[in-house]
Amino acid sequence: QMCEKFTVCENSMEMLVRNNLNLPKVTEEDGDFLTSLSFQDKCLRKISSGLYTFMTYLEYIQETFTSEKQNIESLCYSTEHLAQTVRQMVINPEEVTIPDSATQESLRAKLKSDKTWIEKITTHLILRDFTSFMEKTVRAVRYLKNTRSFSV
């Protein structure tokens, strides 16, 4: 929708230059291909921490992408619920990294721009990386669910 509504295209040089957001990622090294309980726990911690981090980015989108306010509100609520649920699955839930309010405020300030084009690019990048993060999360949780040592 972003590409159609705002002509934000993935091959835009400006978009590539602006991509310094350092968004959370799930990688194979984080336990995407899980073999032991410690790798499973590490993967769940990474997923939950990533979801909590994405919350700040999604709140930014909620402020800037007002034409989709209701959908973004729903996405924020669902993401927070999923982050809490996955955190409860971790052996030691207190080991899940949750950004504190100072970190969140610093990130919000970094994301703000007085240029509408930059806001649109930033929104596009966040949603693109969030989609990728969720795709890998689904694969990891599906794998965990199908192993004998884990139940969802």
N, C-alpha and C. Protein backbone atom coordinates (compact mmCIF):
# COMPACT_ATOMS: atom_id res chain seq x y z
N GLN A 1 0.82 -1.20 0.00
CA GLN A 1 0.00 0.00 0.00
C GLN A 1 0.86 1.26 0.00
N MET A 2 1.95 1.23 0.77
CA MET A 2 2.83 2.41 0.82
C MET A 2 3.34 2.75 -0.57
N CYS A 3 3.77 1.73 -1.30
CA CYS A 3 4.35 1.99 -2.62
C CYS A 3 3.30 2.57 -3.56
N GLU A 4 2.07 2.07 -3.46
CA GLU A 4 1.01 2.56 -4.33
C GLU A 4 0.55 3.96 -3.93
N LYS A 5 0.30 4.18 -2.65
CA LYS A 5 -0.24 5.45 -2.19
C LYS A 5 0.76 6.60 -2.27
N PHE A 6 2.00 6.30 -1.93
CA PHE A 6 2.99 7.37 -1.80
C PHE A 6 4.15 7.25 -2.77
N THR A 7 4.06 6.34 -3.71
CA THR A 7 5.13 6.05 -4.67
C THR A 7 6.48 5.86 -3.98
N VAL A 8 6.47 5.11 -2.89
CA VAL A 8 7.71 4.74 -2.19
C VAL A 8 8.12 3.40 -2.78
N CYS A 9 9.22 3.38 -3.46
CA CYS A 9 9.64 2.16 -4.14
C CYS A 9 10.94 1.64 -3.53
N GLU A 10 11.07 0.32 -3.52
CA GLU A 10 12.23 -0.30 -2.88
C GLU A 10 13.55 0.03 -3.56
N ASN A 11 13.54 0.40 -4.81
CA ASN A 11 14.80 0.68 -5.49
C ASN A 11 15.19 2.16 -5.37
N SER A 12 14.49 2.92 -4.57
CA SER A 12 14.80 4.33 -4.38
C SER A 12 16.15 4.48 -3.67
N MET A 13 17.04 5.27 -4.23
CA MET A 13 18.35 5.49 -3.62
C MET A 13 18.21 6.16 -2.27
N GLU A 14 17.27 7.10 -2.15
CA GLU A 14 17.07 7.76 -0.87
C GLU A 14 16.68 6.77 0.21
N MET A 15 15.85 5.80 -0.14
CA MET A 15 15.42 4.82 0.83
C MET A 15 16.62 3.99 1.31
N LEU A 16 17.46 3.60 0.40
CA LEU A 16 18.62 2.80 0.77
C LEU A 16 19.59 3.59 1.65
N VAL A 17 19.77 4.85 1.35
CA VAL A 17 20.65 5.70 2.14
C VAL A 17 20.08 5.88 3.55
N ARG A 18 18.78 6.02 3.65
CA ARG A 18 18.12 6.30 4.93
C ARG A 18 18.03 5.07 5.83
N ASN A 19 18.27 3.90 5.29
CA ASN A 19 18.07 2.68 6.06
C ASN A 19 19.15 2.48 7.12
N ASN A 20 19.12 3.31 8.15
CA ASN A 20 20.04 3.18 9.28
C ASN A 20 19.25 2.97 10.56
N LEU A 21 18.13 2.29 10.46
CA LEU A 21 17.20 2.15 11.58
C LEU A 21 17.62 1.09 12.59
N ASN A 22 18.46 0.15 12.19
CA ASN A 22 18.91 -0.90 13.10
C ASN A 22 17.73 -1.64 13.73
N LEU A 23 16.82 -2.10 12.90
CA LEU A 23 15.63 -2.80 13.36
C LEU A 23 15.96 -4.22 13.81
N PRO A 24 15.18 -4.77 14.74
CA PRO A 24 15.44 -6.15 15.21
C PRO A 24 15.31 -7.16 14.08
N LYS A 25 16.09 -8.22 14.19
CA LYS A 25 16.05 -9.29 13.20
C LYS A 25 16.15 -10.64 13.91
N VAL A 26 15.57 -11.67 13.33
CA VAL A 26 15.74 -13.03 13.79
C VAL A 26 16.58 -13.72 12.73
N THR A 27 17.70 -14.32 13.16
CA THR A 27 18.59 -14.99 12.22
C THR A 27 18.72 -16.46 12.60
N GLU A 28 19.30 -17.24 11.70
CA GLU A 28 19.52 -18.65 12.00
C GLU A 28 20.38 -18.82 13.25
N GLU A 29 21.34 -17.92 13.44
CA GLU A 29 22.21 -18.01 14.61
C GLU A 29 21.45 -17.82 15.91
N ASP A 30 20.29 -17.16 15.85
CA ASP A 30 19.48 -16.94 17.04
C ASP A 30 18.64 -18.15 17.38
N GLY A 31 18.75 -19.19 16.60
CA GLY A 31 18.04 -20.41 16.92
C GLY A 31 16.87 -20.69 16.01
N ASP A 32 16.89 -20.15 14.80
CA ASP A 32 15.82 -20.42 13.86
C ASP A 32 15.75 -21.93 13.58
N PHE A 33 16.90 -22.59 13.55
CA PHE A 33 16.93 -24.04 13.42
C PHE A 33 17.38 -24.60 14.76
N LEU A 34 16.40 -24.92 15.58
CA LEU A 34 16.64 -25.19 16.99
C LEU A 34 16.88 -26.67 17.25
N THR A 35 17.89 -26.93 18.06
CA THR A 35 18.21 -28.32 18.35
C THR A 35 18.18 -28.63 19.84
N SER A 36 18.30 -27.64 20.68
CA SER A 36 18.31 -27.90 22.12
C SER A 36 17.45 -26.88 22.84
N LEU A 37 17.15 -27.19 24.10
CA LEU A 37 16.32 -26.31 24.91
C LEU A 37 16.96 -24.94 25.07
N SER A 38 18.30 -24.88 25.20
CA SER A 38 18.96 -23.58 25.36
C SER A 38 18.83 -22.73 24.10
N PHE A 39 18.90 -23.36 22.92
CA PHE A 39 18.71 -22.61 21.68
C PHE A 39 17.26 -22.15 21.55
N GLN A 40 16.33 -23.01 21.97
CA GLN A 40 14.92 -22.63 21.93
C GLN A 40 14.67 -21.42 22.82
N ASP A 41 15.21 -21.45 24.01
CA ASP A 41 15.03 -20.34 24.94
C ASP A 41 15.67 -19.06 24.40
N LYS A 42 16.86 -19.20 23.83
CA LYS A 42 17.54 -18.04 23.25
C LYS A 42 16.70 -17.43 22.13
N CYS A 43 16.13 -18.28 21.29
CA CYS A 43 15.30 -17.82 20.18
C CYS A 43 14.06 -17.09 20.71
N LEU A 44 13.42 -17.64 21.71
CA LEU A 44 12.23 -17.01 22.28
C LEU A 44 12.57 -15.66 22.92
N ARG A 45 13.71 -15.57 23.59
CA ARG A 45 14.16 -14.29 24.18
C ARG A 45 14.37 -13.26 23.07
N LYS A 46 15.02 -13.68 22.00
CA LYS A 46 15.29 -12.77 20.88
C LYS A 46 13.98 -12.30 20.24
N ILE A 47 13.04 -13.21 20.05
CA ILE A 47 11.75 -12.85 19.46
C ILE A 47 11.00 -11.86 20.35
N SER A 48 10.90 -12.17 21.63
CA SER A 48 10.18 -11.30 22.55
C SER A 48 10.84 -9.93 22.64
N SER A 49 12.16 -9.90 22.78
CA SER A 49 12.89 -8.62 22.83
C SER A 49 12.68 -7.83 21.55
N GLY A 50 12.72 -8.50 20.41
CA GLY A 50 12.51 -7.84 19.13
C GLY A 50 11.12 -7.25 19.03
N LEU A 51 10.12 -7.98 19.50
CA LEU A 51 8.75 -7.47 19.46
C LEU A 51 8.60 -6.24 20.35
N TYR A 52 9.19 -6.28 21.54
CA TYR A 52 9.13 -5.11 22.42
C TYR A 52 9.84 -3.91 21.78
N THR A 53 10.93 -4.15 21.10
CA THR A 53 11.65 -3.06 20.42
C THR A 53 10.80 -2.51 19.29
N PHE A 54 10.17 -3.40 18.53
CA PHE A 54 9.33 -2.95 17.42
C PHE A 54 8.16 -2.09 17.91
N MET A 55 7.74 -2.26 19.15
CA MET A 55 6.62 -1.47 19.67
C MET A 55 6.88 0.03 19.52
N THR A 56 8.09 0.48 19.80
CA THR A 56 8.42 1.91 19.67
C THR A 56 8.32 2.33 18.21
N TYR A 57 8.82 1.50 17.32
CA TYR A 57 8.74 1.81 15.89
C TYR A 57 7.29 1.86 15.42
N LEU A 58 6.47 0.92 15.91
CA LEU A 58 5.07 0.90 15.51
C LEU A 58 4.31 2.10 16.06
N GLU A 59 4.68 2.54 17.25
CA GLU A 59 4.06 3.75 17.81
C GLU A 59 4.41 4.96 16.94
N TYR A 60 5.62 5.00 16.44
CA TYR A 60 6.02 6.07 15.51
C TYR A 60 5.12 6.04 14.27
N ILE A 61 4.91 4.84 13.72
CA ILE A 61 4.06 4.70 12.53
C ILE A 61 2.64 5.16 12.85
N GLN A 62 2.17 4.83 14.03
CA GLN A 62 0.82 5.23 14.44
C GLN A 62 0.69 6.76 14.41
N GLU A 63 1.74 7.45 14.78
CA GLU A 63 1.72 8.92 14.78
C GLU A 63 1.83 9.51 13.37
N THR A 64 2.53 8.82 12.47
CA THR A 64 2.80 9.42 11.16
C THR A 64 1.93 8.88 10.03
N PHE A 65 1.46 7.66 10.14
CA PHE A 65 0.67 7.04 9.07
C PHE A 65 -0.80 7.07 9.49
N THR A 66 -1.33 8.26 9.62
CA THR A 66 -2.66 8.47 10.20
C THR A 66 -3.80 7.92 9.34
N SER A 67 -3.60 7.75 8.06
CA SER A 67 -4.67 7.22 7.22
C SER A 67 -5.00 5.76 7.55
N GLU A 68 -4.10 5.08 8.23
CA GLU A 68 -4.32 3.69 8.61
C GLU A 68 -4.33 3.54 10.13
N LYS A 69 -4.79 4.56 10.83
CA LYS A 69 -4.71 4.61 12.30
C LYS A 69 -5.30 3.38 12.97
N GLN A 70 -6.49 2.96 12.57
CA GLN A 70 -7.13 1.83 13.22
C GLN A 70 -6.33 0.53 13.01
N ASN A 71 -5.83 0.33 11.80
CA ASN A 71 -5.03 -0.87 11.53
C ASN A 71 -3.74 -0.86 12.33
N ILE A 72 -3.10 0.29 12.44
CA ILE A 72 -1.85 0.39 13.19
C ILE A 72 -2.10 0.19 14.68
N GLU A 73 -3.20 0.72 15.20
CA GLU A 73 -3.55 0.51 16.61
C GLU A 73 -3.72 -0.98 16.89
N SER A 74 -4.41 -1.66 16.00
CA SER A 74 -4.61 -3.10 16.14
C SER A 74 -3.28 -3.85 16.08
N LEU A 75 -2.41 -3.43 15.17
CA LEU A 75 -1.09 -4.04 15.04
C LEU A 75 -0.27 -3.83 16.31
N CYS A 76 -0.32 -2.63 16.87
CA CYS A 76 0.41 -2.34 18.12
C CYS A 76 -0.09 -3.23 19.26
N TYR A 77 -1.40 -3.32 19.40
CA TYR A 77 -1.99 -4.13 20.46
C TYR A 77 -1.60 -5.60 20.30
N SER A 78 -1.73 -6.12 19.09
CA SER A 78 -1.40 -7.53 18.83
C SER A 78 0.08 -7.81 19.05
N THR A 79 0.92 -6.89 18.66
CA THR A 79 2.37 -7.06 18.84
C THR A 79 2.72 -7.09 20.32
N GLU A 80 2.14 -6.19 21.08
CA GLU A 80 2.41 -6.18 22.52
C GLU A 80 1.92 -7.47 23.18
N HIS A 81 0.75 -7.92 22.79
CA HIS A 81 0.21 -9.17 23.34
C HIS A 81 1.12 -10.35 23.00
N LEU A 82 1.57 -10.41 21.76
CA LEU A 82 2.47 -11.49 21.34
C LEU A 82 3.80 -11.42 22.10
N ALA A 83 4.34 -10.22 22.26
CA ALA A 83 5.60 -10.06 23.00
C ALA A 83 5.45 -10.58 24.42
N GLN A 84 4.33 -10.26 25.07
CA GLN A 84 4.09 -10.73 26.44
C GLN A 84 3.93 -12.24 26.50
N THR A 85 3.21 -12.78 25.53
CA THR A 85 2.98 -14.23 25.48
C THR A 85 4.28 -14.98 25.28
N VAL A 86 5.10 -14.53 24.34
CA VAL A 86 6.39 -15.20 24.08
C VAL A 86 7.30 -15.04 25.30
N ARG A 87 7.27 -13.88 25.93
CA ARG A 87 8.10 -13.66 27.14
C ARG A 87 7.74 -14.66 28.23
N GLN A 88 6.47 -15.00 28.37
CA GLN A 88 6.05 -15.97 29.38
C GLN A 88 6.56 -17.38 29.08
N MET A 89 6.91 -17.64 27.82
CA MET A 89 7.43 -18.96 27.43
C MET A 89 8.91 -19.11 27.73
N VAL A 90 9.59 -17.98 27.97
CA VAL A 90 11.03 -18.01 28.24
C VAL A 90 11.26 -18.58 29.64
N ILE A 91 12.32 -19.36 29.79
CA ILE A 91 12.62 -19.97 31.08
C ILE A 91 12.77 -18.91 32.17
N ASN A 92 13.53 -17.85 31.89
CA ASN A 92 13.68 -16.72 32.81
C ASN A 92 13.18 -15.46 32.12
N PRO A 93 11.89 -15.14 32.25
CA PRO A 93 11.31 -13.99 31.53
C PRO A 93 12.02 -12.66 31.79
N GLU A 94 12.65 -12.53 32.95
CA GLU A 94 13.35 -11.27 33.25
C GLU A 94 14.58 -11.07 32.37
N GLU A 95 15.01 -12.09 31.65
CA GLU A 95 16.15 -11.97 30.74
C GLU A 95 15.75 -11.35 29.40
N VAL A 96 14.45 -11.19 29.16
CA VAL A 96 13.98 -10.56 27.92
C VAL A 96 14.25 -9.06 28.03
N THR A 97 14.93 -8.53 27.02
CA THR A 97 15.26 -7.11 27.01
C THR A 97 14.04 -6.30 26.56
N ILE A 98 13.63 -5.39 27.43
CA ILE A 98 12.52 -4.49 27.11
C ILE A 98 13.07 -3.08 27.17
N PRO A 99 12.98 -2.33 26.08
CA PRO A 99 13.53 -0.97 26.09
C PRO A 99 12.89 -0.10 27.18
N ASP A 100 13.73 0.60 27.93
CA ASP A 100 13.19 1.49 28.97
C ASP A 100 12.67 2.77 28.33
N SER A 101 12.01 3.60 29.12
CA SER A 101 11.36 4.80 28.56
C SER A 101 12.38 5.77 27.97
N ALA A 102 13.58 5.87 28.56
CA ALA A 102 14.61 6.77 28.01
C ALA A 102 15.06 6.30 26.62
N THR A 103 15.25 5.00 26.47
CA THR A 103 15.64 4.43 25.19
C THR A 103 14.54 4.66 24.15
N GLN A 104 13.30 4.44 24.56
CA GLN A 104 12.17 4.65 23.63
C GLN A 104 12.08 6.11 23.20
N GLU A 105 12.25 7.02 24.14
CA GLU A 105 12.17 8.44 23.82
C GLU A 105 13.30 8.87 22.89
N SER A 106 14.49 8.33 23.13
CA SER A 106 15.63 8.63 22.27
C SER A 106 15.38 8.14 20.84
N LEU A 107 14.82 6.95 20.73
CA LEU A 107 14.52 6.39 19.42
C LEU A 107 13.45 7.22 18.71
N ARG A 108 12.40 7.61 19.43
CA ARG A 108 11.35 8.44 18.83
C ARG A 108 11.93 9.74 18.28
N ALA A 109 12.82 10.35 19.05
CA ALA A 109 13.45 11.61 18.61
C ALA A 109 14.27 11.38 17.34
N LYS A 110 14.98 10.26 17.29
CA LYS A 110 15.80 9.93 16.13
C LYS A 110 14.95 9.71 14.87
N LEU A 111 13.75 9.15 15.06
CA LEU A 111 12.88 8.84 13.93
C LEU A 111 12.18 10.07 13.36
N LYS A 112 11.95 11.06 14.18
CA LYS A 112 11.20 12.25 13.73
C LYS A 112 11.95 12.98 12.62
N SER A 113 11.16 13.49 11.67
CA SER A 113 11.72 14.26 10.57
C SER A 113 10.71 15.33 10.17
N ASP A 114 11.21 16.44 9.71
CA ASP A 114 10.32 17.50 9.25
C ASP A 114 9.98 17.32 7.77
N LYS A 115 10.51 16.28 7.16
CA LYS A 115 10.26 16.02 5.74
C LYS A 115 9.29 14.84 5.60
N THR A 116 8.17 15.07 4.96
CA THR A 116 7.15 14.05 4.78
C THR A 116 7.72 12.85 4.04
N TRP A 117 8.56 13.10 3.03
CA TRP A 117 9.15 12.01 2.25
C TRP A 117 9.95 11.06 3.14
N ILE A 118 10.76 11.62 4.02
CA ILE A 118 11.57 10.80 4.93
C ILE A 118 10.67 10.00 5.86
N GLU A 119 9.59 10.60 6.36
CA GLU A 119 8.65 9.87 7.21
C GLU A 119 8.05 8.69 6.46
N LYS A 120 7.71 8.88 5.21
CA LYS A 120 7.12 7.80 4.40
C LYS A 120 8.13 6.68 4.17
N ILE A 121 9.35 7.07 3.88
CA ILE A 121 10.41 6.06 3.69
C ILE A 121 10.63 5.29 4.98
N THR A 122 10.72 6.00 6.09
CA THR A 122 10.94 5.36 7.39
C THR A 122 9.80 4.40 7.71
N THR A 123 8.58 4.83 7.49
CA THR A 123 7.42 3.97 7.72
C THR A 123 7.50 2.72 6.86
N HIS A 124 7.84 2.90 5.59
CA HIS A 124 7.96 1.76 4.68
C HIS A 124 9.03 0.76 5.17
N LEU A 125 10.19 1.28 5.56
CA LEU A 125 11.28 0.41 6.03
C LEU A 125 10.89 -0.34 7.30
N ILE A 126 10.24 0.35 8.22
CA ILE A 126 9.81 -0.30 9.46
C ILE A 126 8.83 -1.42 9.15
N LEU A 127 7.82 -1.14 8.34
CA LEU A 127 6.82 -2.16 8.02
C LEU A 127 7.42 -3.33 7.25
N ARG A 128 8.36 -3.03 6.34
CA ARG A 128 9.02 -4.10 5.59
C ARG A 128 9.81 -5.01 6.51
N ASP A 129 10.60 -4.42 7.42
CA ASP A 129 11.41 -5.22 8.33
C ASP A 129 10.56 -5.92 9.39
N PHE A 130 9.46 -5.29 9.80
CA PHE A 130 8.55 -5.94 10.75
C PHE A 130 7.93 -7.17 10.10
N THR A 131 7.55 -7.06 8.84
CA THR A 131 6.99 -8.20 8.11
C THR A 131 8.00 -9.35 8.05
N SER A 132 9.24 -9.02 7.73
CA SER A 132 10.29 -10.05 7.68
C SER A 132 10.50 -10.68 9.05
N PHE A 133 10.54 -9.85 10.09
CA PHE A 133 10.72 -10.35 11.46
C PHE A 133 9.58 -11.31 11.82
N MET A 134 8.35 -10.94 11.47
CA MET A 134 7.20 -11.78 11.81
C MET A 134 7.20 -13.09 11.00
N GLU A 135 7.63 -13.04 9.75
CA GLU A 135 7.72 -14.27 8.95
C GLU A 135 8.68 -15.25 9.60
N LYS A 136 9.84 -14.76 10.03
CA LYS A 136 10.82 -15.63 10.67
C LYS A 136 10.35 -16.08 12.04
N THR A 137 9.62 -15.22 12.74
CA THR A 137 9.06 -15.59 14.04
C THR A 137 8.06 -16.74 13.89
N VAL A 138 7.21 -16.64 12.89
CA VAL A 138 6.22 -17.69 12.65
C VAL A 138 6.94 -19.01 12.35
N ARG A 139 7.97 -18.96 11.52
CA ARG A 139 8.72 -20.20 11.21
C ARG A 139 9.36 -20.79 12.45
N ALA A 140 9.96 -19.94 13.28
CA ALA A 140 10.63 -20.43 14.49
C ALA A 140 9.62 -21.02 15.47
N VAL A 141 8.50 -20.34 15.68
CA VAL A 141 7.49 -20.84 16.61
C VAL A 141 6.86 -22.12 16.08
N ARG A 142 6.62 -22.18 14.78
CA ARG A 142 6.08 -23.40 14.17
C ARG A 142 7.05 -24.57 14.38
N TYR A 143 8.34 -24.30 14.19
CA TYR A 143 9.34 -25.34 14.41
C TYR A 143 9.34 -25.78 15.87
N LEU A 144 9.31 -24.80 16.78
CA LEU A 144 9.29 -25.12 18.21
C LEU A 144 8.07 -25.95 18.57
N LYS A 145 6.95 -25.60 18.01
CA LYS A 145 5.70 -26.30 18.30
C LYS A 145 5.77 -27.75 17.86
N ASN A 146 6.49 -28.01 16.76
CA ASN A 146 6.57 -29.37 16.23
C ASN A 146 7.66 -30.22 16.88
N THR A 147 8.46 -29.63 17.78
CA THR A 147 9.47 -30.43 18.48
C THR A 147 8.85 -31.02 19.74
N ARG A 148 9.42 -32.08 20.22
CA ARG A 148 8.87 -32.76 21.39
C ARG A 148 9.08 -31.98 22.69
N SER A 149 10.12 -31.16 22.73
CA SER A 149 10.48 -30.51 23.99
C SER A 149 9.77 -29.17 24.21
N PHE A 150 8.84 -28.84 23.32
CA PHE A 150 8.21 -27.53 23.41
C PHE A 150 6.74 -27.64 23.05
N SER A 151 5.91 -26.94 23.79
CA SER A 151 4.50 -26.91 23.44
C SER A 151 3.99 -25.48 23.53
N VAL A 152 3.18 -25.09 22.55
CA VAL A 152 2.61 -23.74 22.53
C VAL A 152 1.18 -23.81 23.00
